[in-house]
Amino acid sequence: MLPYRRTKVKRELRDRINILRDQLNTAMKRQFETELANSMQRIREAIAPYTRFVRVEREKLDRLDQELRTAKREVHSIRDAVYKQESAPAVDPV
């Protein structure tokens, strides 16, 4: 084989290998992304019941917290009213 021809064949082979490498990388990346997306979807579906449970329980706790805050305000209001009543001078109904 002539040196020029051999160099040309090597260059063509190298170019073809690079093209195939790029195609393989693209295909592998696409497959990996597909598998990753599928896995993430399966995980989301698997934990969905727990996510809903936690959300519902959190909402219950938030409501209870609000009720507790309201009750505390009422207790403070009643306590203040009682304290003011006790502090007021006693007037004898004569």
PDB file of N, CA and C in Angstrom:
ATOM      1  N   MET A   1       0.845  -1.163   0.000  1.00  0.00           N
ATOM      2  CA  MET A   1       0.000   0.000   0.000  1.00  0.00           C
ATOM      3  C   MET A   1       0.895   1.231   0.000  1.00  0.00           C
ATOM      4  N   LEU A   2       0.507   2.201  -0.730  1.00  0.00           N
ATOM      5  CA  LEU A   2       1.271   3.434  -0.834  1.00  0.00           C
ATOM      6  C   LEU A   2       1.147   4.240   0.460  1.00  0.00           C
ATOM      7  N   PRO A   3       2.211   4.930   0.841  1.00  0.00           N
ATOM      8  CA  PRO A   3       2.159   5.716   2.081  1.00  0.00           C
ATOM      9  C   PRO A   3       1.022   6.741   2.083  1.00  0.00           C
ATOM     10  N   TYR A   4       0.794   7.395   0.962  1.00  0.00           N
ATOM     11  CA  TYR A   4      -0.284   8.377   0.894  1.00  0.00           C
ATOM     12  C   TYR A   4      -1.623   7.694   1.132  1.00  0.00           C
ATOM     13  N   ARG A   5      -1.806   6.564   0.475  1.00  0.00           N
ATOM     14  CA  ARG A   5      -3.064   5.807   0.593  1.00  0.00           C
ATOM     15  C   ARG A   5      -3.232   5.316   2.023  1.00  0.00           C
ATOM     16  N   ARG A   6      -2.152   4.839   2.627  1.00  0.00           N
ATOM     17  CA  ARG A   6      -2.215   4.336   3.996  1.00  0.00           C
ATOM     18  C   ARG A   6      -2.598   5.476   4.946  1.00  0.00           C
ATOM     19  N   THR A   7      -2.021   6.630   4.775  1.00  0.00           N
ATOM     20  CA  THR A   7      -2.340   7.787   5.613  1.00  0.00           C
ATOM     21  C   THR A   7      -3.805   8.178   5.447  1.00  0.00           C
ATOM     22  N   LYS A   8      -4.273   8.160   4.206  1.00  0.00           N
ATOM     23  CA  LYS A   8      -5.670   8.514   3.935  1.00  0.00           C
ATOM     24  C   LYS A   8      -6.617   7.506   4.583  1.00  0.00           C
ATOM     25  N   VAL A   9      -6.294   6.224   4.482  1.00  0.00           N
ATOM     26  CA  VAL A   9      -7.137   5.173   5.068  1.00  0.00           C
ATOM     27  C   VAL A   9      -7.158   5.314   6.592  1.00  0.00           C
ATOM     28  N   LYS A  10      -5.988   5.602   7.183  1.00  0.00           N
ATOM     29  CA  LYS A  10      -5.923   5.786   8.637  1.00  0.00           C
ATOM     30  C   LYS A  10      -6.796   6.967   9.068  1.00  0.00           C
ATOM     31  N   ARG A  11      -6.696   8.063   8.324  1.00  0.00           N
ATOM     32  CA  ARG A  11      -7.476   9.254   8.652  1.00  0.00           C
ATOM     33  C   ARG A  11      -8.972   8.959   8.534  1.00  0.00           C
ATOM     34  N   GLU A  12      -9.363   8.265   7.470  1.00  0.00           N
ATOM     35  CA  GLU A  12     -10.774   7.918   7.282  1.00  0.00           C
ATOM     36  C   GLU A  12     -11.252   6.998   8.401  1.00  0.00           C
ATOM     37  N   LEU A  13     -10.411   6.034   8.774  1.00  0.00           N
ATOM     38  CA  LEU A  13     -10.761   5.115   9.857  1.00  0.00           C
ATOM     39  C   LEU A  13     -10.905   5.887  11.174  1.00  0.00           C
ATOM     40  N   ARG A  14      -9.970   6.788  11.445  1.00  0.00           N
ATOM     41  CA  ARG A  14     -10.022   7.601  12.662  1.00  0.00           C
ATOM     42  C   ARG A  14     -11.294   8.450  12.679  1.00  0.00           C
ATOM     43  N   ASP A  15     -11.618   9.052  11.539  1.00  0.00           N
ATOM     44  CA  ASP A  15     -12.830   9.868  11.448  1.00  0.00           C
ATOM     45  C   ASP A  15     -14.080   9.023  11.689  1.00  0.00           C
ATOM     46  N   ARG A  16     -14.085   7.851  11.093  1.00  0.00           N
ATOM     47  CA  ARG A  16     -15.238   6.957  11.245  1.00  0.00           C
ATOM     48  C   ARG A  16     -15.373   6.498  12.693  1.00  0.00           C
ATOM     49  N   ILE A  17     -14.245   6.180  13.319  1.00  0.00           N
ATOM     50  CA  ILE A  17     -14.267   5.774  14.733  1.00  0.00           C
ATOM     51  C   ILE A  17     -14.791   6.919  15.600  1.00  0.00           C
ATOM     52  N   ASN A  18     -14.357   8.144  15.311  1.00  0.00           N
ATOM     53  CA  ASN A  18     -14.840   9.301  16.079  1.00  0.00           C
ATOM     54  C   ASN A  18     -16.344   9.496  15.916  1.00  0.00           C
ATOM     55  N   ILE A  19     -16.823   9.323  14.699  1.00  0.00           N
ATOM     56  CA  ILE A  19     -18.266   9.439  14.449  1.00  0.00           C
ATOM     57  C   ILE A  19     -19.017   8.371  15.225  1.00  0.00           C
ATOM     58  N   LEU A  20     -18.528   7.132  15.154  1.00  0.00           N
ATOM     59  CA  LEU A  20     -19.177   6.035  15.880  1.00  0.00           C
ATOM     60  C   LEU A  20     -19.124   6.271  17.392  1.00  0.00           C
ATOM     61  N   ARG A  21     -17.999   6.788  17.876  1.00  0.00           N
ATOM     62  CA  ARG A  21     -17.873   7.084  19.310  1.00  0.00           C
ATOM     63  C   ARG A  21     -18.909   8.131  19.723  1.00  0.00           C
ATOM     64  N   ASP A  22     -19.052   9.170  18.917  1.00  0.00           N
ATOM     65  CA  ASP A  22     -20.042  10.210  19.218  1.00  0.00           C
ATOM     66  C   ASP A  22     -21.460   9.644  19.209  1.00  0.00           C
ATOM     67  N   GLN A  23     -21.748   8.805  18.221  1.00  0.00           N
ATOM     68  CA  GLN A  23     -23.075   8.193  18.147  1.00  0.00           C
ATOM     69  C   GLN A  23     -23.330   7.300  19.358  1.00  0.00           C
ATOM     70  N   LEU A  24     -22.314   6.541  19.749  1.00  0.00           N
ATOM     71  CA  LEU A  24     -22.449   5.663  20.912  1.00  0.00           C
ATOM     72  C   LEU A  24     -22.660   6.486  22.182  1.00  0.00           C
ATOM     73  N   ASN A  25     -21.878   7.545  22.344  1.00  0.00           N
ATOM     74  CA  ASN A  25     -22.045   8.411  23.521  1.00  0.00           C
ATOM     75  C   ASN A  25     -23.441   9.019  23.569  1.00  0.00           C
ATOM     76  N   THR A  26     -23.921   9.471  22.416  1.00  0.00           N
ATOM     77  CA  THR A  26     -25.259  10.060  22.352  1.00  0.00           C
ATOM     78  C   THR A  26     -26.320   9.029  22.715  1.00  0.00           C
ATOM     79  N   ALA A  27     -26.199   7.834  22.151  1.00  0.00           N
ATOM     80  CA  ALA A  27     -27.173   6.774  22.431  1.00  0.00           C
ATOM     81  C   ALA A  27     -27.136   6.377  23.907  1.00  0.00           C
ATOM     82  N   MET A  28     -25.938   6.258  24.461  1.00  0.00           N
ATOM     83  CA  MET A  28     -25.818   5.875  25.870  1.00  0.00           C
ATOM     84  C   MET A  28     -26.374   6.963  26.782  1.00  0.00           C
ATOM     85  N   LYS A  29     -26.105   8.210  26.452  1.00  0.00           N
ATOM     86  CA  LYS A  29     -26.617   9.320  27.254  1.00  0.00           C
ATOM     87  C   LYS A  29     -28.142   9.346  27.219  1.00  0.00           C
ATOM     88  N   ARG A  30     -28.700   9.183  26.035  1.00  0.00           N
ATOM     89  CA  ARG A  30     -30.154   9.177  25.886  1.00  0.00           C
ATOM     90  C   ARG A  30     -30.767   8.020  26.681  1.00  0.00           C
ATOM     91  N   GLN A  31     -30.160   6.838  26.595  1.00  0.00           N
ATOM     92  CA  GLN A  31     -30.662   5.677  27.326  1.00  0.00           C
ATOM     93  C   GLN A  31     -30.556   5.894  28.840  1.00  0.00           C
ATOM     94  N   PHE A  32     -29.430   6.454  29.277  1.00  0.00           N
ATOM     95  CA  PHE A  32     -29.246   6.727  30.701  1.00  0.00           C
ATOM     96  C   PHE A  32     -30.305   7.702  31.202  1.00  0.00           C
ATOM     97  N   GLU A  33     -30.547   8.769  30.443  1.00  0.00           N
ATOM     98  CA  GLU A  33     -31.542   9.762  30.849  1.00  0.00           C
ATOM     99  C   GLU A  33     -32.939   9.160  30.901  1.00  0.00           C
ATOM    100  N   THR A  34     -33.249   8.290  29.950  1.00  0.00           N
ATOM    101  CA  THR A  34     -34.547   7.616  29.950  1.00  0.00           C
ATOM    102  C   THR A  34     -34.688   6.731  31.176  1.00  0.00           C
ATOM    103  N   GLU A  35     -33.659   5.934  31.453  1.00  0.00           N
ATOM    104  CA  GLU A  35     -33.697   5.046  32.618  1.00  0.00           C
ATOM    105  C   GLU A  35     -33.781   5.842  33.913  1.00  0.00           C
ATOM    106  N   LEU A  36     -33.052   6.940  33.975  1.00  0.00           N
ATOM    107  CA  LEU A  36     -33.086   7.789  35.168  1.00  0.00           C
ATOM    108  C   LEU A  36     -34.484   8.366  35.374  1.00  0.00           C
ATOM    109  N   ALA A  37     -35.087   8.864  34.316  1.00  0.00           N
ATOM    110  CA  ALA A  37     -36.441   9.427  34.408  1.00  0.00           C
ATOM    111  C   ALA A  37     -37.440   8.360  34.841  1.00  0.00           C
ATOM    112  N   ASN A  38     -37.322   7.158  34.284  1.00  0.00           N
ATOM    113  CA  ASN A  38     -38.218   6.068  34.668  1.00  0.00           C
ATOM    114  C   ASN A  38     -38.030   5.692  36.131  1.00  0.00           C
ATOM    115  N   SER A  39     -36.792   5.635  36.568  1.00  0.00           N
ATOM    116  CA  SER A  39     -36.514   5.298  37.968  1.00  0.00           C
ATOM    117  C   SER A  39     -37.071   6.364  38.904  1.00  0.00           C
ATOM    118  N   MET A  40     -36.881   7.618  38.550  1.00  0.00           N
ATOM    119  CA  MET A  40     -37.409   8.704  39.381  1.00  0.00           C
ATOM    120  C   MET A  40     -38.935   8.635  39.457  1.00  0.00           C
ATOM    121  N   GLN A  41     -39.571   8.317  38.348  1.00  0.00           N
ATOM    122  CA  GLN A  41     -41.030   8.203  38.340  1.00  0.00           C
ATOM    123  C   GLN A  41     -41.483   7.053  39.238  1.00  0.00           C
ATOM    124  N   ARG A  42     -40.795   5.920  39.168  1.00  0.00           N
ATOM    125  CA  ARG A  42     -41.147   4.781  40.027  1.00  0.00           C
ATOM    126  C   ARG A  42     -40.967   5.138  41.500  1.00  0.00           C
ATOM    127  N   ILE A  43     -39.915   5.871  41.813  1.00  0.00           N
ATOM    128  CA  ILE A  43     -39.689   6.286  43.202  1.00  0.00           C
ATOM    129  C   ILE A  43     -40.808   7.215  43.660  1.00  0.00           C
ATOM    130  N   ARG A  44     -41.166   8.191  42.813  1.00  0.00           N
ATOM    131  CA  ARG A  44     -42.256   9.115  43.170  1.00  0.00           C
ATOM    132  C   ARG A  44     -43.556   8.356  43.415  1.00  0.00           C
ATOM    133  N   GLU A  45     -43.849   7.391  42.554  1.00  0.00           N
ATOM    134  CA  GLU A  45     -45.072   6.608  42.713  1.00  0.00           C
ATOM    135  C   GLU A  45     -45.025   5.770  43.981  1.00  0.00           C
ATOM    136  N   ALA A  46     -43.847   5.261  44.318  1.00  0.00           N
ATOM    137  CA  ALA A  46     -43.712   4.421  45.510  1.00  0.00           C
ATOM    138  C   ALA A  46     -43.896   5.223  46.795  1.00  0.00           C
ATOM    139  N   ILE A  47     -43.428   6.460  46.814  1.00  0.00           N
ATOM    140  CA  ILE A  47     -43.528   7.248  48.048  1.00  0.00           C
ATOM    141  C   ILE A  47     -44.764   8.140  48.088  1.00  0.00           C
ATOM    142  N   ALA A  48     -45.554   8.140  47.033  1.00  0.00           N
ATOM    143  CA  ALA A  48     -46.731   9.016  46.971  1.00  0.00           C
ATOM    144  C   ALA A  48     -47.675   8.826  48.163  1.00  0.00           C
ATOM    145  N   PRO A  49     -48.002   7.584  48.563  1.00  0.00           N
ATOM    146  CA  PRO A  49     -48.901   7.436  49.719  1.00  0.00           C
ATOM    147  C   PRO A  49     -48.325   8.066  50.990  1.00  0.00           C
ATOM    148  N   TYR A  50     -47.048   7.923  51.190  1.00  0.00           N
ATOM    149  CA  TYR A  50     -46.414   8.495  52.381  1.00  0.00           C
ATOM    150  C   TYR A  50     -46.396  10.016  52.303  1.00  0.00           C
ATOM    151  N   THR A  51     -46.174  10.532  51.110  1.00  0.00           N
ATOM    152  CA  THR A  51     -46.175  11.979  50.922  1.00  0.00           C
ATOM    153  C   THR A  51     -47.551  12.550  51.243  1.00  0.00           C
ATOM    154  N   ARG A  52     -48.599  11.879  50.758  1.00  0.00           N
ATOM    155  CA  ARG A  52     -49.963  12.331  51.052  1.00  0.00           C
ATOM    156  C   ARG A  52     -50.242  12.259  52.551  1.00  0.00           C
ATOM    157  N   PHE A  53     -49.830  11.155  53.182  1.00  0.00           N
ATOM    158  CA  PHE A  53     -50.041  10.989  54.620  1.00  0.00           C
ATOM    159  C   PHE A  53     -49.373  12.120  55.393  1.00  0.00           C
ATOM    160  N   VAL A  54     -48.125  12.400  55.065  1.00  0.00           N
ATOM    161  CA  VAL A  54     -47.387  13.455  55.764  1.00  0.00           C
ATOM    162  C   VAL A  54     -48.061  14.805  55.548  1.00  0.00           C
ATOM    163  N   ARG A  55     -48.518  15.076  54.333  1.00  0.00           N
ATOM    164  CA  ARG A  55     -49.180  16.350  54.052  1.00  0.00           C
ATOM    165  C   ARG A  55     -50.463  16.491  54.878  1.00  0.00           C
ATOM    166  N   VAL A  56     -51.272  15.422  54.930  1.00  0.00           N
ATOM    167  CA  VAL A  56     -52.523  15.461  55.692  1.00  0.00           C
ATOM    168  C   VAL A  56     -52.232  15.652  57.178  1.00  0.00           C
ATOM    169  N   GLU A  57     -51.252  14.920  57.697  1.00  0.00           N
ATOM    170  CA  GLU A  57     -50.904  15.059  59.113  1.00  0.00           C
ATOM    171  C   GLU A  57     -50.375  16.457  59.412  1.00  0.00           C
ATOM    172  N   ARG A  58     -49.612  17.007  58.499  1.00  0.00           N
ATOM    173  CA  ARG A  58     -49.086  18.362  58.686  1.00  0.00           C
ATOM    174  C   ARG A  58     -50.231  19.374  58.741  1.00  0.00           C
ATOM    175  N   GLU A  59     -51.223  19.194  57.863  1.00  0.00           N
ATOM    176  CA  GLU A  59     -52.385  20.082  57.870  1.00  0.00           C
ATOM    177  C   GLU A  59     -53.141  19.971  59.191  1.00  0.00           C
ATOM    178  N   LYS A  60     -53.284  18.736  59.706  1.00  0.00           N
ATOM    179  CA  LYS A  60     -53.949  18.542  61.000  1.00  0.00           C
ATOM    180  C   LYS A  60     -53.181  19.262  62.104  1.00  0.00           C
ATOM    181  N   LEU A  61     -51.870  19.092  62.099  1.00  0.00           N
ATOM    182  CA  LEU A  61     -51.050  19.747  63.118  1.00  0.00           C
ATOM    183  C   LEU A  61     -51.146  21.265  63.019  1.00  0.00           C
ATOM    184  N   ASP A  62     -51.186  21.784  61.817  1.00  0.00           N
ATOM    185  CA  ASP A  62     -51.322  23.233  61.640  1.00  0.00           C
ATOM    186  C   ASP A  62     -52.654  23.730  62.200  1.00  0.00           C
ATOM    187  N   ARG A  63     -53.733  22.961  61.932  1.00  0.00           N
ATOM    188  CA  ARG A  63     -55.044  23.346  62.473  1.00  0.00           C
ATOM    189  C   ARG A  63     -55.037  23.291  63.999  1.00  0.00           C
ATOM    190  N   LEU A  64     -54.470  22.218  64.548  1.00  0.00           N
ATOM    191  CA  LEU A  64     -54.404  22.097  66.005  1.00  0.00           C
ATOM    192  C   LEU A  64     -53.562  23.212  66.615  1.00  0.00           C
ATOM    193  N   ASP A  65     -52.489  23.573  65.953  1.00  0.00           N
ATOM    194  CA  ASP A  65     -51.646  24.662  66.436  1.00  0.00           C
ATOM    195  C   ASP A  65     -52.430  25.966  66.464  1.00  0.00           C
ATOM    196  N   GLN A  66     -53.198  26.209  65.424  1.00  0.00           N
ATOM    197  CA  GLN A  66     -54.008  27.433  65.375  1.00  0.00           C
ATOM    198  C   GLN A  66     -55.065  27.419  66.478  1.00  0.00           C
ATOM    199  N   GLU A  67     -55.700  26.264  66.694  1.00  0.00           N
ATOM    200  CA  GLU A  67     -56.699  26.160  67.762  1.00  0.00           C
ATOM    201  C   GLU A  67     -56.053  26.396  69.123  1.00  0.00           C
ATOM    202  N   LEU A  68     -54.866  25.857  69.319  1.00  0.00           N
ATOM    203  CA  LEU A  68     -54.151  26.043  70.579  1.00  0.00           C
ATOM    204  C   LEU A  68     -53.807  27.514  70.793  1.00  0.00           C
ATOM    205  N   ARG A  69     -53.357  28.181  69.755  1.00  0.00           N
ATOM    206  CA  ARG A  69     -53.036  29.612  69.876  1.00  0.00           C
ATOM    207  C   ARG A  69     -54.289  30.422  70.236  1.00  0.00           C
ATOM    208  N   THR A  70     -55.405  30.072  69.598  1.00  0.00           N
ATOM    209  CA  THR A  70     -56.662  30.759  69.897  1.00  0.00           C
ATOM    210  C   THR A  70     -57.065  30.518  71.346  1.00  0.00           C
ATOM    211  N   ALA A  71     -56.958  29.270  71.801  1.00  0.00           N
ATOM    212  CA  ALA A  71     -57.309  28.938  73.184  1.00  0.00           C
ATOM    213  C   ALA A  71     -56.402  29.678  74.166  1.00  0.00           C
ATOM    214  N   LYS A  72     -55.117  29.774  73.849  1.00  0.00           N
ATOM    215  CA  LYS A  72     -54.194  30.497  74.733  1.00  0.00           C
ATOM    216  C   LYS A  72     -54.579  31.970  74.835  1.00  0.00           C
ATOM    217  N   ARG A  73     -54.951  32.564  73.697  1.00  0.00           N
ATOM    218  CA  ARG A  73     -55.375  33.972  73.724  1.00  0.00           C
ATOM    219  C   ARG A  73     -56.623  34.143  74.600  1.00  0.00           C
ATOM    220  N   GLU A  74     -57.553  33.199  74.486  1.00  0.00           N
ATOM    221  CA  GLU A  74     -58.772  33.272  75.293  1.00  0.00           C
ATOM    222  C   GLU A  74     -58.451  33.125  76.774  1.00  0.00           C
ATOM    223  N   VAL A  75     -57.552  32.200  77.110  1.00  0.00           N
ATOM    224  CA  VAL A  75     -57.154  32.002  78.508  1.00  0.00           C
ATOM    225  C   VAL A  75     -56.510  33.272  79.050  1.00  0.00           C
ATOM    226  N   HIS A  76     -55.617  33.874  78.274  1.00  0.00           N
ATOM    227  CA  HIS A  76     -54.975  35.119  78.711  1.00  0.00           C
ATOM    228  C   HIS A  76     -56.008  36.228  78.901  1.00  0.00           C
ATOM    229  N   SER A  77     -56.962  36.301  78.005  1.00  0.00           N
ATOM    230  CA  SER A  77     -57.998  37.323  78.098  1.00  0.00           C
ATOM    231  C   SER A  77     -58.831  37.120  79.362  1.00  0.00           C
ATOM    232  N   ILE A  78     -59.221  35.883  79.618  1.00  0.00           N
ATOM    233  CA  ILE A  78     -60.006  35.578  80.824  1.00  0.00           C
ATOM    234  C   ILE A  78     -59.176  35.850  82.073  1.00  0.00           C
ATOM    235  N   ARG A  79     -57.916  35.443  82.060  1.00  0.00           N
ATOM    236  CA  ARG A  79     -57.030  35.668  83.206  1.00  0.00           C
ATOM    237  C   ARG A  79     -56.905  37.171  83.483  1.00  0.00           C
ATOM    238  N   ASP A  80     -56.727  37.959  82.424  1.00  0.00           N
ATOM    239  CA  ASP A  80     -56.627  39.410  82.602  1.00  0.00           C
ATOM    240  C   ASP A  80     -57.916  39.981  83.186  1.00  0.00           C
ATOM    241  N   ALA A  81     -59.052  39.494  82.705  1.00  0.00           N
ATOM    242  CA  ALA A  81     -60.337  39.983  83.212  1.00  0.00           C
ATOM    243  C   ALA A  81     -60.498  39.638  84.684  1.00  0.00           C
ATOM    244  N   VAL A  82     -60.113  38.419  85.069  1.00  0.00           N
ATOM    245  CA  VAL A  82     -60.207  37.999  86.470  1.00  0.00           C
ATOM    246  C   VAL A  82     -59.260  38.843  87.318  1.00  0.00           C
ATOM    247  N   TYR A  83     -58.059  39.062  86.836  1.00  0.00           N
ATOM    248  CA  TYR A  83     -57.082  39.858  87.589  1.00  0.00           C
ATOM    249  C   TYR A  83     -57.592  41.281  87.792  1.00  0.00           C
ATOM    250  N   LYS A  84     -58.151  41.858  86.748  1.00  0.00           N
ATOM    251  CA  LYS A  84     -58.694  43.214  86.864  1.00  0.00           C
ATOM    252  C   LYS A  84     -59.859  43.244  87.850  1.00  0.00           C
ATOM    253  N   GLN A  85     -60.658  42.205  87.838  1.00  0.00           N
ATOM    254  CA  GLN A  85     -61.805  42.120  88.743  1.00  0.00           C
ATOM    255  C   GLN A  85     -61.321  42.033  90.184  1.00  0.00           C
ATOM    256  N   GLU A  86     -60.262  41.234  90.406  1.00  0.00           N
ATOM    257  CA  GLU A  86     -59.726  41.086  91.759  1.00  0.00           C
ATOM    258  C   GLU A  86     -59.042  42.368  92.209  1.00  0.00           C
ATOM    259  N   SER A  87     -58.441  43.090  91.301  1.00  0.00           N
ATOM    260  CA  SER A  87     -57.706  44.309  91.635  1.00  0.00           C
ATOM    261  C   SER A  87     -58.627  45.499  91.868  1.00  0.00           C
ATOM    262  N   ALA A  88     -59.816  45.446  91.349  1.00  0.00           N
ATOM    263  CA  ALA A  88     -60.744  46.572  91.490  1.00  0.00           C
ATOM    264  C   ALA A  88     -61.172  46.685  92.951  1.00  0.00           C
ATOM    265  N   PRO A  89     -61.323  47.906  93.456  1.00  0.00           N
ATOM    266  CA  PRO A  89     -61.767  48.060  94.849  1.00  0.00           C
ATOM    267  C   PRO A  89     -63.183  47.528  95.012  1.00  0.00           C
ATOM    268  N   ALA A  90     -63.354  46.859  96.105  1.00  0.00           N
ATOM    269  CA  ALA A  90     -64.662  46.270  96.390  1.00  0.00           C
ATOM    270  C   ALA A  90     -65.623  47.374  96.806  1.00  0.00           C
ATOM    271  N   VAL A  91     -66.767  47.370  96.237  1.00  0.00           N
ATOM    272  CA  VAL A  91     -67.803  48.356  96.565  1.00  0.00           C
ATOM    273  C   VAL A  91     -68.921  47.608  97.258  1.00  0.00           C
ATOM    274  N   ASP A  92     -69.228  48.043  98.498  1.00  0.00           N
ATOM    275  CA  ASP A  92     -70.306  47.393  99.242  1.00  0.00           C
ATOM    276  C   ASP A  92     -71.643  47.927  98.756  1.00  0.00           C
ATOM    277  N   PRO A  93     -72.505  47.059  98.362  1.00  0.00           N
ATOM    278  CA  PRO A  93     -73.822  47.521  97.924  1.00  0.00           C
ATOM    279  C   PRO A  93     -74.674  47.856  99.150  1.00  0.00           C
ATOM    280  N   VAL A  94     -74.643  49.023  99.607  1.00  0.00           N
ATOM    281  CA  VAL A  94     -75.369  49.437 100.807  1.00  0.00           C
ATOM    282  C   VAL A  94     -76.688  50.063 100.468  1.00  0.00           C
TER     283      VAL A  94
END
